[in-house]
Amino acid sequence: MTEERRQAPRIRAYRPVRLHSSGIAQPIETLTKDISQGGARFLSVLLIPVGTELQLELALVNGQEPITGRGRATWFRALPDSEQFEVGLSFSNFPDQEQRRLSACLSRLTPFLPA
């Protein structure tokens, strides 16, 4: 069993996210699978190497401007019987205002515990 290293609870949330990187020609438009104050897990059809810096726009609330910030890919894994990957993203540079918006949105959602 692996030790849990997250400092904030994960929230299961399938929300639109757009990711940009200097190493990726087109922005990736996908969905998160879960989000916390410290990062997110999302789906990707591209393999995103660990350490890749990403600019993100996260649409947590319909009708509001997306939350923007930077993050770094911390892990990835291929999904069985699929051409997609799951990617773990650690938030590395979020302006204070965006951190507060993220915190407010997440506080209205229910955390889940992994099995």
C-alpha atoms as a PDB file:
ATOM      1  CA  MET A   1       0.000   0.000   0.000  1.00  0.00           C
ATOM      2  CA  THR A   2       1.368   3.429  -0.904  1.00  0.00           C
ATOM      3  CA  GLU A   3       1.501   6.313   1.526  1.00  0.00           C
ATOM      4  CA  GLU A   4      -0.855   9.234   0.798  1.00  0.00           C
ATOM      5  CA  ARG A   5       1.261  12.329   0.099  1.00  0.00           C
ATOM      6  CA  ARG A   6      -1.496  14.824  -0.693  1.00  0.00           C
ATOM      7  CA  GLN A   7      -1.914  17.639   1.780  1.00  0.00           C
ATOM      8  CA  ALA A   8      -5.475  18.496   0.705  1.00  0.00           C
ATOM      9  CA  PRO A   9      -8.483  16.198   0.142  1.00  0.00           C
ATOM     10  CA  ARG A  10      -9.352  15.298  -3.416  1.00  0.00           C
ATOM     11  CA  ILE A  11     -12.737  16.224  -4.804  1.00  0.00           C
ATOM     12  CA  ARG A  12     -14.203  14.065  -7.556  1.00  0.00           C
ATOM     13  CA  ALA A  13     -14.993  16.626 -10.236  1.00  0.00           C
ATOM     14  CA  TYR A  14     -15.300  16.177 -13.977  1.00  0.00           C
ATOM     15  CA  ARG A  15     -14.667  19.771 -15.041  1.00  0.00           C
ATOM     16  CA  PRO A  16     -13.364  21.218 -18.325  1.00  0.00           C
ATOM     17  CA  VAL A  17      -9.695  22.199 -18.314  1.00  0.00           C
ATOM     18  CA  ARG A  18      -7.529  23.710 -21.068  1.00  0.00           C
ATOM     19  CA  LEU A  19      -3.789  23.148 -20.809  1.00  0.00           C
ATOM     20  CA  HIS A  20      -1.005  24.934 -22.682  1.00  0.00           C
ATOM     21  CA  SER A  21       2.687  24.093 -22.816  1.00  0.00           C
ATOM     22  CA  SER A  22       5.584  25.323 -24.905  1.00  0.00           C
ATOM     23  CA  GLY A  23       6.272  21.696 -25.854  1.00  0.00           C
ATOM     24  CA  ILE A  24       2.719  21.017 -27.099  1.00  0.00           C
ATOM     25  CA  ALA A  25       1.584  22.607 -30.389  1.00  0.00           C
ATOM     26  CA  GLN A  26      -2.174  22.732 -29.677  1.00  0.00           C
ATOM     27  CA  PRO A  27      -3.837  23.345 -26.309  1.00  0.00           C
ATOM     28  CA  ILE A  28      -5.178  20.201 -24.661  1.00  0.00           C
ATOM     29  CA  GLU A  29      -8.900  20.464 -23.907  1.00  0.00           C
ATOM     30  CA  THR A  30     -10.000  17.714 -21.572  1.00  0.00           C
ATOM     31  CA  LEU A  31     -11.699  16.926 -18.249  1.00  0.00           C
ATOM     32  CA  THR A  32     -10.391  16.666 -14.735  1.00  0.00           C
ATOM     33  CA  LYS A  33     -11.187  13.513 -12.781  1.00  0.00           C
ATOM     34  CA  ASP A  34     -10.436  14.987  -9.384  1.00  0.00           C
ATOM     35  CA  ILE A  35      -9.169  18.266  -7.958  1.00  0.00           C
ATOM     36  CA  SER A  36      -7.662  19.451  -4.682  1.00  0.00           C
ATOM     37  CA  GLN A  37      -6.210  22.724  -3.471  1.00  0.00           C
ATOM     38  CA  GLY A  38      -2.790  21.378  -4.481  1.00  0.00           C
ATOM     39  CA  GLY A  39      -3.424  19.767  -7.849  1.00  0.00           C
ATOM     40  CA  ALA A  40      -5.625  17.785 -10.210  1.00  0.00           C
ATOM     41  CA  ARG A  41      -5.859  14.540 -12.146  1.00  0.00           C
ATOM     42  CA  PHE A  42      -6.960  14.804 -15.760  1.00  0.00           C
ATOM     43  CA  LEU A  43      -7.314  12.736 -18.915  1.00  0.00           C
ATOM     44  CA  SER A  44      -5.081  13.208 -21.945  1.00  0.00           C
ATOM     45  CA  VAL A  45      -4.705  11.610 -25.361  1.00  0.00           C
ATOM     46  CA  LEU A  46      -1.083  12.845 -25.327  1.00  0.00           C
ATOM     47  CA  LEU A  47       1.661  11.462 -23.139  1.00  0.00           C
ATOM     48  CA  ILE A  48       2.764  14.389 -20.961  1.00  0.00           C
ATOM     49  CA  PRO A  49       6.181  13.684 -19.450  1.00  0.00           C
ATOM     50  CA  VAL A  50       6.770  14.172 -15.737  1.00  0.00           C
ATOM     51  CA  GLY A  51       8.128  17.655 -15.092  1.00  0.00           C
ATOM     52  CA  THR A  52       6.285  19.305 -17.985  1.00  0.00           C
ATOM     53  CA  GLU A  53       5.215  22.840 -17.045  1.00  0.00           C
ATOM     54  CA  LEU A  54       1.611  23.611 -17.990  1.00  0.00           C
ATOM     55  CA  GLN A  55      -0.504  26.760 -18.017  1.00  0.00           C
ATOM     56  CA  LEU A  56      -4.076  25.843 -17.120  1.00  0.00           C
ATOM     57  CA  GLU A  57      -7.550  27.294 -17.363  1.00  0.00           C
ATOM     58  CA  LEU A  58      -9.931  25.377 -15.091  1.00  0.00           C
ATOM     59  CA  ALA A  59     -13.681  25.902 -15.485  1.00  0.00           C
ATOM     60  CA  LEU A  60     -15.043  25.018 -12.037  1.00  0.00           C
ATOM     61  CA  VAL A  61     -18.252  27.048 -12.119  1.00  0.00           C
ATOM     62  CA  ASN A  62     -20.430  27.361 -15.227  1.00  0.00           C
ATOM     63  CA  GLY A  63     -20.769  30.935 -16.397  1.00  0.00           C
ATOM     64  CA  GLN A  64     -17.716  32.222 -14.499  1.00  0.00           C
ATOM     65  CA  GLU A  65     -14.250  32.972 -15.817  1.00  0.00           C
ATOM     66  CA  PRO A  66     -11.955  29.939 -15.581  1.00  0.00           C
ATOM     67  CA  ILE A  67      -9.429  29.732 -12.768  1.00  0.00           C
ATOM     68  CA  THR A  68      -5.945  30.195 -14.220  1.00  0.00           C
ATOM     69  CA  GLY A  69      -2.506  29.230 -12.997  1.00  0.00           C
ATOM     70  CA  ARG A  70       0.517  27.052 -13.644  1.00  0.00           C
ATOM     71  CA  GLY A  71       1.286  23.494 -12.745  1.00  0.00           C
ATOM     72  CA  ARG A  72       3.736  20.676 -13.333  1.00  0.00           C
ATOM     73  CA  ALA A  73       2.999  17.105 -14.428  1.00  0.00           C
ATOM     74  CA  THR A  74       4.023  14.845 -11.540  1.00  0.00           C
ATOM     75  CA  TRP A  75       2.953  11.423 -12.824  1.00  0.00           C
ATOM     76  CA  PHE A  76       1.133   9.693 -15.674  1.00  0.00           C
ATOM     77  CA  ARG A  77      -0.227   6.265 -16.418  1.00  0.00           C
ATOM     78  CA  ALA A  78      -1.746   4.611 -19.457  1.00  0.00           C
ATOM     79  CA  LEU A  79      -5.373   3.598 -19.053  1.00  0.00           C
ATOM     80  CA  PRO A  80      -5.951  -0.114 -19.779  1.00  0.00           C
ATOM     81  CA  ASP A  81      -7.689  -0.856 -23.089  1.00  0.00           C
ATOM     82  CA  SER A  82      -7.550   2.823 -24.033  1.00  0.00           C
ATOM     83  CA  GLU A  83      -5.416   5.270 -25.958  1.00  0.00           C
ATOM     84  CA  GLN A  84      -5.693   7.781 -23.110  1.00  0.00           C
ATOM     85  CA  PHE A  85      -3.535   8.622 -20.135  1.00  0.00           C
ATOM     86  CA  GLU A  86      -4.283   9.897 -16.669  1.00  0.00           C
ATOM     87  CA  VAL A  87      -1.951  12.709 -15.643  1.00  0.00           C
ATOM     88  CA  GLY A  88      -1.317  14.108 -12.172  1.00  0.00           C
ATOM     89  CA  LEU A  89      -0.755  17.845 -12.049  1.00  0.00           C
ATOM     90  CA  SER A  90       0.691  19.694  -9.067  1.00  0.00           C
ATOM     91  CA  PHE A  91      -0.257  23.367  -8.932  1.00  0.00           C
ATOM     92  CA  SER A  92       2.964  25.358  -8.770  1.00  0.00           C
ATOM     93  CA  ASN A  93       2.065  28.989  -9.347  1.00  0.00           C
ATOM     94  CA  PHE A  94      -1.449  30.246  -8.662  1.00  0.00           C
ATOM     95  CA  PRO A  95      -2.001  33.933  -7.928  1.00  0.00           C
ATOM     96  CA  ASP A  96      -3.568  34.535  -4.490  1.00  0.00           C
ATOM     97  CA  GLN A  97      -6.883  35.610  -6.024  1.00  0.00           C
ATOM     98  CA  GLU A  98      -7.075  32.395  -8.055  1.00  0.00           C
ATOM     99  CA  GLN A  99      -6.192  30.310  -4.960  1.00  0.00           C
ATOM    100  CA  ARG A 100      -9.096  31.926  -3.100  1.00  0.00           C
ATOM    101  CA  ARG A 101     -11.492  31.266  -6.004  1.00  0.00           C
ATOM    102  CA  LEU A 102     -10.350  27.635  -6.177  1.00  0.00           C
ATOM    103  CA  SER A 103     -10.757  27.208  -2.412  1.00  0.00           C
ATOM    104  CA  ALA A 104     -14.265  28.717  -2.492  1.00  0.00           C
ATOM    105  CA  CYS A 105     -15.343  26.406  -5.339  1.00  0.00           C
ATOM    106  CA  LEU A 106     -13.876  23.299  -3.721  1.00  0.00           C
ATOM    107  CA  SER A 107     -15.467  24.059  -0.349  1.00  0.00           C
ATOM    108  CA  ARG A 108     -18.893  23.587  -1.940  1.00  0.00           C
ATOM    109  CA  LEU A 109     -18.009  20.087  -3.191  1.00  0.00           C
ATOM    110  CA  THR A 110     -17.674  16.836  -1.213  1.00  0.00           C
ATOM    111  CA  PRO A 111     -14.265  15.157  -0.834  1.00  0.00           C
ATOM    112  CA  PHE A 112     -13.932  11.457  -1.535  1.00  0.00           C
ATOM    113  CA  LEU A 113     -11.640   8.892   0.010  1.00  0.00           C
ATOM    114  CA  PRO A 114      -9.853   6.376  -2.212  1.00  0.00           C
ATOM    115  CA  ALA A 115     -10.796   2.746  -1.674  1.00  0.00           C
END
